[in-house]
Amino acid sequence: MAKAGAALVPERRTRPQAAEPDLWLLAAPLKKDRTDLVAEKAAELGVSRLIPVFTRRTNAGRVNTARLGAHLAEAAEQCERLSVPELAEPAPLDKVLAAWPEDRVLLFLDESGGGLPLAEGLRGLGAAKLALLVGPEGGFDDEERRLLAAKPFTRAVGLGPRILRAETAAIAALAVVQALAGDWGRGPRG
């Protein structure tokens, strides 16, 4: 039996390809399945790029990027996205910051209480490109916090009085951004 091939002709478009939000999430890898949960929820909440970052207090020694990529794809399909978030190669925080595009604002979740409430941190950003950074279990150490605060493109923000688990903080922050700003980069702004 010969393989003759096949041809497909689309009959109709079910919906147009809309511009995707331009929101990045940087997250320290977590223990066990928690990193997978963060990736899944990031895709569902509109993240366009996920960057695993290693900090001094990161407990996970490595990141299974094939598995994370599969979680991103499955979550994008589940919520009917027409694109899958890009998964960057895991890298140490200092290297990510050294190569950071200075036209993108980086809001880092500062569990020490030194930042503005997230809603206030979003105000006045206009059309800025945006990224959120969530630290590891145990948070950022003092040196990392100083490094972040010294960068002109960063803002320390907080999520309220409670210390949240890292995966909860990532999901909560993304939900706040989506609720207050729409799909970042294309929706309404507050």
N, C-alpha and C. Protein backbone atom coordinates (compact mmCIF):
# COMPACT_ATOMS: atom_id res chain seq x y z
N MET A 1 0.84 -1.18 0.00
CA MET A 1 0.00 0.00 0.00
C MET A 1 0.89 1.24 0.00
N ALA A 2 0.68 2.12 -0.93
CA ALA A 2 1.49 3.33 -1.07
C ALA A 2 0.90 4.47 -0.24
N LYS A 3 1.79 5.32 0.24
CA LYS A 3 1.34 6.50 0.97
C LYS A 3 1.16 7.63 -0.04
N ALA A 4 -0.07 7.94 -0.31
CA ALA A 4 -0.36 8.96 -1.32
C ALA A 4 -0.44 10.36 -0.73
N GLY A 5 -0.60 10.47 0.57
CA GLY A 5 -0.69 11.78 1.20
C GLY A 5 -2.13 12.21 1.38
N ALA A 6 -2.30 13.37 1.89
CA ALA A 6 -3.63 13.91 2.13
C ALA A 6 -3.56 15.43 2.05
N ALA A 7 -4.69 16.03 1.82
CA ALA A 7 -4.79 17.49 1.78
C ALA A 7 -5.99 17.92 2.60
N LEU A 8 -5.81 18.97 3.35
CA LEU A 8 -6.89 19.53 4.14
C LEU A 8 -7.19 20.93 3.67
N VAL A 9 -8.46 21.25 3.60
CA VAL A 9 -8.88 22.58 3.21
C VAL A 9 -9.79 23.11 4.33
N PRO A 10 -9.37 24.20 5.01
CA PRO A 10 -10.24 24.74 6.07
C PRO A 10 -11.52 25.30 5.46
N GLU A 11 -12.63 25.01 6.09
CA GLU A 11 -13.91 25.50 5.60
C GLU A 11 -14.32 26.81 6.27
N ARG A 12 -14.00 26.93 7.57
CA ARG A 12 -14.34 28.17 8.27
C ARG A 12 -13.41 28.33 9.47
N ARG A 13 -13.28 29.55 9.89
CA ARG A 13 -12.49 29.85 11.07
C ARG A 13 -13.46 29.95 12.25
N THR A 14 -13.15 29.23 13.33
CA THR A 14 -14.05 29.25 14.48
C THR A 14 -13.89 30.50 15.31
N ARG A 15 -12.69 31.07 15.34
CA ARG A 15 -12.47 32.35 16.01
C ARG A 15 -11.14 32.92 15.51
N PRO A 16 -11.03 34.23 15.51
CA PRO A 16 -9.78 34.84 15.04
C PRO A 16 -8.66 34.68 16.08
N GLN A 17 -7.44 34.68 15.61
CA GLN A 17 -6.27 34.65 16.48
C GLN A 17 -6.12 36.06 17.06
N ALA A 18 -6.32 36.19 18.35
CA ALA A 18 -6.19 37.49 19.00
C ALA A 18 -4.75 37.66 19.49
N ALA A 19 -4.37 38.91 19.68
CA ALA A 19 -3.05 39.18 20.24
C ALA A 19 -2.99 38.60 21.66
N GLU A 20 -1.90 37.97 21.97
CA GLU A 20 -1.72 37.37 23.29
C GLU A 20 -1.19 38.40 24.27
N PRO A 21 -1.47 38.22 25.55
CA PRO A 21 -0.90 39.13 26.55
C PRO A 21 0.63 38.99 26.58
N ASP A 22 1.29 40.04 27.02
CA ASP A 22 2.75 40.03 27.11
C ASP A 22 3.15 40.10 28.58
N LEU A 23 2.91 39.02 29.29
CA LEU A 23 3.17 38.95 30.72
C LEU A 23 4.10 37.78 30.98
N TRP A 24 5.23 38.04 31.61
CA TRP A 24 6.19 36.99 31.94
C TRP A 24 6.08 36.65 33.42
N LEU A 25 6.35 35.39 33.73
CA LEU A 25 6.45 34.94 35.12
C LEU A 25 7.82 34.32 35.33
N LEU A 26 8.53 34.85 36.32
CA LEU A 26 9.79 34.26 36.76
C LEU A 26 9.49 33.59 38.10
N ALA A 27 9.82 32.32 38.22
CA ALA A 27 9.48 31.60 39.45
C ALA A 27 10.61 30.65 39.81
N ALA A 28 10.95 30.65 41.08
CA ALA A 28 11.95 29.71 41.58
C ALA A 28 11.34 28.31 41.57
N PRO A 29 12.08 27.31 41.09
CA PRO A 29 11.58 25.93 41.12
C PRO A 29 11.28 25.51 42.56
N LEU A 30 10.21 24.75 42.70
CA LEU A 30 9.74 24.30 44.01
C LEU A 30 9.86 22.79 44.14
N LYS A 31 9.63 22.29 45.35
CA LYS A 31 9.69 20.86 45.59
C LYS A 31 8.52 20.14 44.93
N LYS A 32 8.76 18.92 44.57
CA LYS A 32 7.75 17.97 44.09
C LYS A 32 6.94 18.55 42.93
N ASP A 33 5.63 18.41 43.02
CA ASP A 33 4.75 18.79 41.91
C ASP A 33 4.34 20.25 41.94
N ARG A 34 4.87 21.02 42.86
CA ARG A 34 4.44 22.42 42.98
C ARG A 34 4.88 23.28 41.79
N THR A 35 6.03 22.97 41.22
CA THR A 35 6.48 23.70 40.03
C THR A 35 5.52 23.43 38.87
N ASP A 36 5.07 22.19 38.74
CA ASP A 36 4.11 21.84 37.69
C ASP A 36 2.82 22.63 37.87
N LEU A 37 2.37 22.76 39.11
CA LEU A 37 1.15 23.52 39.40
C LEU A 37 1.31 24.98 38.99
N VAL A 38 2.45 25.58 39.31
CA VAL A 38 2.70 26.97 38.93
C VAL A 38 2.67 27.12 37.41
N ALA A 39 3.30 26.20 36.69
CA ALA A 39 3.30 26.27 35.22
C ALA A 39 1.89 26.16 34.67
N GLU A 40 1.13 25.21 35.19
CA GLU A 40 -0.24 25.00 34.73
C GLU A 40 -1.08 26.26 34.92
N LYS A 41 -1.04 26.82 36.12
CA LYS A 41 -1.85 28.00 36.42
C LYS A 41 -1.34 29.24 35.68
N ALA A 42 -0.05 29.33 35.46
CA ALA A 42 0.50 30.45 34.68
C ALA A 42 -0.06 30.45 33.27
N ALA A 43 -0.12 29.27 32.65
CA ALA A 43 -0.69 29.18 31.30
C ALA A 43 -2.17 29.57 31.32
N GLU A 44 -2.90 29.10 32.31
CA GLU A 44 -4.32 29.40 32.40
C GLU A 44 -4.57 30.89 32.65
N LEU A 45 -3.66 31.54 33.35
CA LEU A 45 -3.85 32.95 33.71
C LEU A 45 -3.17 33.92 32.75
N GLY A 46 -2.75 33.43 31.58
CA GLY A 46 -2.33 34.33 30.51
C GLY A 46 -0.86 34.65 30.39
N VAL A 47 0.01 33.93 31.09
CA VAL A 47 1.45 34.19 30.98
C VAL A 47 1.94 33.85 29.57
N SER A 48 2.78 34.71 29.01
CA SER A 48 3.34 34.43 27.68
C SER A 48 4.71 33.77 27.75
N ARG A 49 5.39 33.92 28.88
CA ARG A 49 6.73 33.34 29.02
C ARG A 49 6.96 32.97 30.48
N LEU A 50 7.42 31.74 30.70
CA LEU A 50 7.76 31.26 32.04
C LEU A 50 9.27 31.07 32.11
N ILE A 51 9.88 31.70 33.12
CA ILE A 51 11.33 31.62 33.30
C ILE A 51 11.62 31.04 34.68
N PRO A 52 12.08 29.78 34.75
CA PRO A 52 12.50 29.23 36.05
C PRO A 52 13.82 29.88 36.47
N VAL A 53 13.87 30.44 37.69
CA VAL A 53 15.08 31.10 38.18
C VAL A 53 15.55 30.45 39.48
N PHE A 54 16.83 30.23 39.55
CA PHE A 54 17.43 29.67 40.75
C PHE A 54 17.91 30.80 41.65
N THR A 55 17.49 30.74 42.90
CA THR A 55 17.91 31.71 43.91
C THR A 55 18.72 30.98 44.97
N ARG A 56 19.23 31.71 45.93
CA ARG A 56 20.04 31.08 46.98
C ARG A 56 19.24 30.07 47.80
N ARG A 57 17.96 30.32 47.97
CA ARG A 57 17.14 29.44 48.80
C ARG A 57 16.29 28.45 48.00
N THR A 58 16.54 28.36 46.70
CA THR A 58 15.79 27.40 45.89
C THR A 58 16.10 26.00 46.38
N ASN A 59 15.04 25.22 46.67
CA ASN A 59 15.23 23.86 47.18
C ASN A 59 15.36 22.82 46.08
N ALA A 60 14.78 23.06 44.94
CA ALA A 60 14.84 22.10 43.83
C ALA A 60 16.17 22.26 43.11
N GLY A 61 16.84 21.15 42.87
CA GLY A 61 18.16 21.20 42.23
C GLY A 61 18.12 21.27 40.72
N ARG A 62 17.02 20.84 40.12
CA ARG A 62 16.93 20.87 38.67
C ARG A 62 15.48 21.04 38.24
N VAL A 63 15.29 21.34 36.96
CA VAL A 63 13.95 21.55 36.41
C VAL A 63 13.79 20.61 35.22
N ASN A 64 12.72 19.84 35.23
CA ASN A 64 12.41 18.96 34.11
C ASN A 64 11.65 19.80 33.08
N THR A 65 12.38 20.38 32.13
CA THR A 65 11.75 21.30 31.18
C THR A 65 10.79 20.59 30.23
N ALA A 66 11.05 19.33 29.90
CA ALA A 66 10.12 18.60 29.03
C ALA A 66 8.77 18.44 29.73
N ARG A 67 8.82 18.10 31.00
CA ARG A 67 7.58 17.93 31.76
C ARG A 67 6.85 19.26 31.93
N LEU A 68 7.62 20.33 32.24
CA LEU A 68 7.00 21.65 32.38
C LEU A 68 6.37 22.11 31.07
N GLY A 69 7.07 21.88 29.97
CA GLY A 69 6.53 22.24 28.66
C GLY A 69 5.22 21.51 28.36
N ALA A 70 5.15 20.24 28.75
CA ALA A 70 3.93 19.46 28.55
C ALA A 70 2.79 20.03 29.40
N HIS A 71 3.09 20.43 30.63
CA HIS A 71 2.06 21.04 31.48
C HIS A 71 1.57 22.37 30.89
N LEU A 72 2.49 23.16 30.35
CA LEU A 72 2.09 24.42 29.72
C LEU A 72 1.17 24.17 28.53
N ALA A 73 1.51 23.20 27.71
CA ALA A 73 0.70 22.88 26.52
C ALA A 73 -0.68 22.36 26.91
N GLU A 74 -0.73 21.46 27.88
CA GLU A 74 -2.01 20.91 28.32
C GLU A 74 -2.91 21.98 28.93
N ALA A 75 -2.33 22.87 29.72
CA ALA A 75 -3.12 23.93 30.34
C ALA A 75 -3.61 24.93 29.31
N ALA A 76 -2.77 25.24 28.32
CA ALA A 76 -3.19 26.16 27.26
C ALA A 76 -4.37 25.57 26.49
N GLU A 77 -4.29 24.29 26.21
CA GLU A 77 -5.39 23.62 25.51
C GLU A 77 -6.66 23.61 26.37
N GLN A 78 -6.51 23.31 27.65
CA GLN A 78 -7.65 23.25 28.57
C GLN A 78 -8.42 24.57 28.61
N CYS A 79 -7.69 25.69 28.62
CA CYS A 79 -8.38 26.98 28.73
C CYS A 79 -8.61 27.63 27.36
N GLU A 80 -8.41 26.85 26.31
CA GLU A 80 -8.68 27.25 24.93
C GLU A 80 -7.84 28.43 24.45
N ARG A 81 -6.61 28.49 24.92
CA ARG A 81 -5.65 29.46 24.37
C ARG A 81 -5.24 28.97 22.99
N LEU A 82 -4.90 29.89 22.13
CA LEU A 82 -4.42 29.52 20.80
C LEU A 82 -2.89 29.53 20.74
N SER A 83 -2.26 29.74 21.87
CA SER A 83 -0.80 29.69 21.91
C SER A 83 -0.37 29.04 23.22
N VAL A 84 0.85 28.55 23.23
CA VAL A 84 1.43 27.94 24.42
C VAL A 84 2.50 28.90 24.94
N PRO A 85 2.52 29.17 26.24
CA PRO A 85 3.57 30.05 26.77
C PRO A 85 4.97 29.50 26.47
N GLU A 86 5.87 30.41 26.19
CA GLU A 86 7.27 30.03 25.96
C GLU A 86 7.89 29.63 27.29
N LEU A 87 8.68 28.58 27.27
CA LEU A 87 9.41 28.15 28.47
C LEU A 87 10.89 28.44 28.25
N ALA A 88 11.43 29.34 29.07
CA ALA A 88 12.85 29.69 28.97
C ALA A 88 13.68 28.65 29.70
N GLU A 89 14.93 28.61 29.36
CA GLU A 89 15.86 27.72 30.06
C GLU A 89 16.05 28.22 31.49
N PRO A 90 16.06 27.33 32.45
CA PRO A 90 16.30 27.74 33.84
C PRO A 90 17.67 28.41 33.97
N ALA A 91 17.74 29.43 34.81
CA ALA A 91 19.00 30.17 34.99
C ALA A 91 19.04 30.78 36.38
N PRO A 92 20.25 31.07 36.87
CA PRO A 92 20.37 31.76 38.16
C PRO A 92 19.82 33.19 38.07
N LEU A 93 19.26 33.67 39.17
CA LEU A 93 18.65 34.99 39.22
C LEU A 93 19.59 36.08 38.76
N ASP A 94 20.83 36.08 39.22
CA ASP A 94 21.75 37.16 38.84
C ASP A 94 22.00 37.20 37.33
N LYS A 95 22.04 36.04 36.68
CA LYS A 95 22.26 36.01 35.22
C LYS A 95 21.01 36.49 34.47
N VAL A 96 19.85 36.13 34.98
CA VAL A 96 18.60 36.61 34.36
C VAL A 96 18.54 38.13 34.46
N LEU A 97 18.87 38.68 35.62
CA LEU A 97 18.83 40.14 35.80
C LEU A 97 19.87 40.85 34.95
N ALA A 98 21.05 40.25 34.78
CA ALA A 98 22.11 40.87 33.98
C ALA A 98 21.71 40.99 32.51
N ALA A 99 20.87 40.07 32.03
CA ALA A 99 20.45 40.09 30.63
C ALA A 99 19.04 40.66 30.45
N TRP A 100 18.50 41.30 31.48
CA TRP A 100 17.12 41.75 31.47
C TRP A 100 16.87 42.87 30.47
N PRO A 101 15.80 42.80 29.68
CA PRO A 101 15.47 43.91 28.78
C PRO A 101 14.95 45.10 29.61
N GLU A 102 15.63 46.22 29.54
CA GLU A 102 15.31 47.34 30.42
C GLU A 102 13.98 48.02 30.12
N ASP A 103 13.31 47.62 29.02
CA ASP A 103 11.99 48.18 28.74
C ASP A 103 10.87 47.35 29.37
N ARG A 104 11.21 46.34 30.14
CA ARG A 104 10.22 45.49 30.80
C ARG A 104 10.31 45.69 32.31
N VAL A 105 9.18 46.06 32.91
CA VAL A 105 9.12 46.26 34.36
C VAL A 105 9.05 44.90 35.04
N LEU A 106 9.84 44.73 36.09
CA LEU A 106 9.86 43.48 36.85
C LEU A 106 9.32 43.77 38.25
N LEU A 107 8.14 43.26 38.54
CA LEU A 107 7.57 43.37 39.88
C LEU A 107 7.98 42.12 40.65
N PHE A 108 8.73 42.32 41.75
CA PHE A 108 9.12 41.14 42.52
C PHE A 108 8.35 41.10 43.83
N LEU A 109 7.83 39.91 44.14
CA LEU A 109 7.03 39.73 45.34
C LEU A 109 7.96 39.68 46.54
N ASP A 110 7.87 40.71 47.35
CA ASP A 110 8.76 40.86 48.50
C ASP A 110 8.00 40.51 49.77
N GLU A 111 8.22 39.31 50.26
CA GLU A 111 7.50 38.84 51.44
C GLU A 111 7.95 39.52 52.72
N SER A 112 8.99 40.33 52.66
CA SER A 112 9.48 41.02 53.86
C SER A 112 8.61 42.22 54.24
N GLY A 113 7.68 42.57 53.37
CA GLY A 113 6.80 43.70 53.64
C GLY A 113 7.36 45.02 53.15
N GLY A 114 8.44 44.99 52.38
CA GLY A 114 9.07 46.22 51.93
C GLY A 114 8.50 46.81 50.66
N GLY A 115 7.50 46.19 50.08
CA GLY A 115 6.98 46.69 48.82
C GLY A 115 5.59 47.27 48.92
N LEU A 116 5.18 47.91 47.85
CA LEU A 116 3.82 48.44 47.72
C LEU A 116 2.85 47.27 47.57
N PRO A 117 1.59 47.47 47.92
CA PRO A 117 0.61 46.45 47.55
C PRO A 117 0.61 46.28 46.03
N LEU A 118 0.42 45.07 45.56
CA LEU A 118 0.51 44.78 44.13
C LEU A 118 -0.37 45.71 43.30
N ALA A 119 -1.58 45.98 43.75
CA ALA A 119 -2.48 46.87 43.00
C ALA A 119 -1.85 48.24 42.79
N GLU A 120 -1.18 48.77 43.83
CA GLU A 120 -0.51 50.07 43.70
C GLU A 120 0.71 49.96 42.79
N GLY A 121 1.42 48.85 42.86
CA GLY A 121 2.59 48.65 42.00
C GLY A 121 2.25 48.61 40.52
N LEU A 122 1.01 48.23 40.20
CA LEU A 122 0.57 48.18 38.80
C LEU A 122 0.17 49.55 38.27
N ARG A 123 -0.20 50.46 39.16
CA ARG A 123 -0.66 51.78 38.73
C ARG A 123 0.45 52.55 38.03
N GLY A 124 0.06 53.26 37.00
CA GLY A 124 0.99 54.14 36.32
C GLY A 124 1.95 53.44 35.37
N LEU A 125 1.76 52.16 35.11
CA LEU A 125 2.69 51.47 34.22
C LEU A 125 2.37 51.70 32.74
N GLY A 126 1.18 52.22 32.46
CA GLY A 126 0.83 52.51 31.07
C GLY A 126 0.98 51.28 30.19
N ALA A 127 1.74 51.42 29.13
CA ALA A 127 1.92 50.33 28.18
C ALA A 127 3.20 49.54 28.44
N ALA A 128 3.72 49.64 29.64
CA ALA A 128 4.98 48.94 29.96
C ALA A 128 4.84 47.45 29.80
N LYS A 129 5.90 46.83 29.34
CA LYS A 129 5.96 45.36 29.33
C LYS A 129 6.15 44.93 30.78
N LEU A 130 5.53 43.81 31.16
CA LEU A 130 5.49 43.44 32.57
C LEU A 130 5.96 42.02 32.82
N ALA A 131 6.61 41.83 33.96
CA ALA A 131 6.99 40.50 34.44
C ALA A 131 6.81 40.47 35.95
N LEU A 132 6.49 39.29 36.47
CA LEU A 132 6.37 39.06 37.92
C LEU A 132 7.44 38.06 38.32
N LEU A 133 8.08 38.31 39.46
CA LEU A 133 9.08 37.40 40.01
C LEU A 133 8.61 36.89 41.36
N VAL A 134 8.54 35.56 41.47
CA VAL A 134 8.15 34.92 42.72
C VAL A 134 9.35 34.13 43.22
N GLY A 135 9.71 34.36 44.46
CA GLY A 135 10.87 33.70 45.03
C GLY A 135 10.60 32.27 45.47
N PRO A 136 11.58 31.67 46.11
CA PRO A 136 11.49 30.28 46.54
C PRO A 136 10.79 30.16 47.89
N GLU A 137 10.62 28.94 48.34
CA GLU A 137 10.18 28.69 49.71
C GLU A 137 11.22 29.33 50.61
N GLY A 138 10.79 30.13 51.55
CA GLY A 138 11.73 30.84 52.41
C GLY A 138 12.05 32.22 51.91
N GLY A 139 11.64 32.56 50.71
CA GLY A 139 11.82 33.91 50.18
C GLY A 139 13.22 34.22 49.71
N PHE A 140 13.41 35.46 49.29
CA PHE A 140 14.71 35.95 48.84
C PHE A 140 15.57 36.22 50.05
N ASP A 141 16.88 36.06 49.89
CA ASP A 141 17.75 36.46 51.00
C ASP A 141 18.03 37.96 50.87
N ASP A 142 18.66 38.53 51.90
CA ASP A 142 18.87 39.99 51.93
C ASP A 142 19.70 40.48 50.75
N GLU A 143 20.71 39.73 50.35
CA GLU A 143 21.55 40.15 49.23
C GLU A 143 20.75 40.16 47.93
N GLU A 144 19.91 39.16 47.71
CA GLU A 144 19.07 39.13 46.51
C GLU A 144 18.08 40.29 46.51
N ARG A 145 17.51 40.58 47.67
CA ARG A 145 16.57 41.69 47.78
C ARG A 145 17.28 43.01 47.44
N ARG A 146 18.51 43.19 47.92
CA ARG A 146 19.28 44.41 47.59
C ARG A 146 19.60 44.46 46.10
N LEU A 147 19.98 43.32 45.52
CA LEU A 147 20.27 43.25 44.09
C LEU A 147 19.05 43.66 43.27
N LEU A 148 17.90 43.11 43.63
CA LEU A 148 16.66 43.44 42.93
C LEU A 148 16.31 44.92 43.09
N ALA A 149 16.39 45.44 44.30
CA ALA A 149 16.02 46.83 44.57
C ALA A 149 16.92 47.82 43.84
N ALA A 150 18.15 47.42 43.54
CA ALA A 150 19.11 48.31 42.87
C ALA A 150 18.87 48.43 41.37
N LYS A 151 18.08 47.56 40.81
CA LYS A 151 17.84 47.58 39.36
C LYS A 151 16.78 48.63 39.04
N PRO A 152 17.00 49.45 38.00
CA PRO A 152 16.05 50.52 37.68
C PRO A 152 14.71 50.00 37.14
N PHE A 153 14.66 48.77 36.71
CA PHE A 153 13.45 48.23 36.09
C PHE A 153 12.60 47.42 37.07
N THR A 154 12.96 47.39 38.36
CA THR A 154 12.23 46.57 39.32
C THR A 154 11.38 47.42 40.27
N ARG A 155 10.34 46.80 40.80
CA ARG A 155 9.50 47.36 41.86
C ARG A 155 9.18 46.23 42.83
N ALA A 156 9.37 46.48 44.11
CA ALA A 156 8.98 45.50 45.13
C ALA A 156 7.49 45.66 45.39
N VAL A 157 6.78 44.54 45.40
CA VAL A 157 5.34 44.55 45.67
C VAL A 157 5.00 43.44 46.65
N GLY A 158 3.86 43.57 47.28
CA GLY A 158 3.42 42.56 48.23
C GLY A 158 1.98 42.14 47.98
N LEU A 159 1.60 41.04 48.62
CA LEU A 159 0.25 40.50 48.47
C LEU A 159 -0.56 40.54 49.75
N GLY A 160 -0.14 41.34 50.70
CA GLY A 160 -0.90 41.45 51.94
C GLY A 160 -0.10 40.97 53.14
N PRO A 161 -0.78 40.85 54.27
CA PRO A 161 -0.08 40.60 55.53
C PRO A 161 0.37 39.16 55.75
N ARG A 162 -0.17 38.21 55.00
CA ARG A 162 0.19 36.81 55.24
C ARG A 162 1.37 36.37 54.38
N ILE A 163 2.19 35.51 54.95
CA ILE A 163 3.27 34.89 54.18
C ILE A 163 2.65 33.70 53.46
N LEU A 164 2.67 33.75 52.13
CA LEU A 164 2.06 32.70 51.32
C LEU A 164 3.10 31.69 50.85
N ARG A 165 2.66 30.48 50.60
CA ARG A 165 3.53 29.51 49.94
C ARG A 165 3.87 30.08 48.57
N ALA A 166 5.02 29.71 48.04
CA ALA A 166 5.48 30.27 46.77
C ALA A 166 4.49 30.03 45.64
N GLU A 167 3.92 28.82 45.57
CA GLU A 167 2.97 28.53 44.49
C GLU A 167 1.68 29.34 44.64
N THR A 168 1.25 29.54 45.87
CA THR A 168 0.05 30.35 46.12
C THR A 168 0.32 31.81 45.73
N ALA A 169 1.50 32.31 46.08
CA ALA A 169 1.86 33.69 45.74
C ALA A 169 1.87 33.91 44.23
N ALA A 170 2.42 32.97 43.49
CA ALA A 170 2.46 33.10 42.03
C ALA A 170 1.05 33.15 41.45
N ILE A 171 0.20 32.24 41.87
CA ILE A 171 -1.17 32.17 41.36
C ILE A 171 -1.95 33.42 41.77
N ALA A 172 -1.82 33.84 43.02
CA ALA A 172 -2.54 35.02 43.50
C ALA A 172 -2.10 36.27 42.75
N ALA A 173 -0.81 36.44 42.56
CA ALA A 173 -0.29 37.63 41.86
C ALA A 173 -0.78 37.67 40.42
N LEU A 174 -0.75 36.54 39.74
CA LEU A 174 -1.23 36.51 38.36
C LEU A 174 -2.73 36.81 38.29
N ALA A 175 -3.49 36.30 39.25
CA ALA A 175 -4.93 36.56 39.27
C ALA A 175 -5.21 38.05 39.52
N VAL A 176 -4.43 38.67 40.40
CA VAL A 176 -4.60 40.11 40.66
C VAL A 176 -4.29 40.91 39.40
N VAL A 177 -3.19 40.60 38.73
CA VAL A 177 -2.84 41.31 37.50
C VAL A 177 -3.96 41.17 36.48
N GLN A 178 -4.45 39.96 36.30
CA GLN A 178 -5.51 39.75 35.32
C GLN A 178 -6.80 40.48 35.72
N ALA A 179 -7.14 40.44 37.00
CA ALA A 179 -8.37 41.10 37.45
C ALA A 179 -8.29 42.62 37.33
N LEU A 180 -7.14 43.19 37.65
CA LEU A 180 -7.01 44.65 37.64
C LEU A 180 -6.63 45.22 36.29
N ALA A 181 -5.89 44.46 35.50
CA ALA A 181 -5.35 45.01 34.27
C ALA A 181 -5.82 44.29 33.02
N GLY A 182 -6.70 43.30 33.15
CA GLY A 182 -7.10 42.55 31.97
C GLY A 182 -5.95 41.70 31.50
N ASP A 183 -5.99 41.27 30.27
CA ASP A 183 -4.86 40.53 29.71
C ASP A 183 -3.76 41.54 29.42
N TRP A 184 -2.72 41.51 30.23
CA TRP A 184 -1.67 42.52 30.17
C TRP A 184 -1.14 42.64 28.75
N GLY A 185 -1.07 43.86 28.29
CA GLY A 185 -0.55 44.12 26.95
C GLY A 185 -1.63 44.24 25.90
N ARG A 186 -2.91 43.93 26.27
CA ARG A 186 -3.97 44.07 25.28
C ARG A 186 -5.31 44.44 25.87
N GLY A 187 -5.48 44.36 27.19
CA GLY A 187 -6.80 44.60 27.79
C GLY A 187 -6.87 45.93 28.51
N PRO A 188 -7.97 46.14 29.24
CA PRO A 188 -8.13 47.41 29.98
C PRO A 188 -7.11 47.55 31.07
N ARG A 189 -6.77 48.77 31.42
CA ARG A 189 -5.80 49.04 32.47
C ARG A 189 -6.44 49.88 33.56
N GLY A 190 -5.95 49.68 34.78
CA GLY A 190 -6.42 50.50 35.89
C GLY A 190 -5.47 51.58 36.24
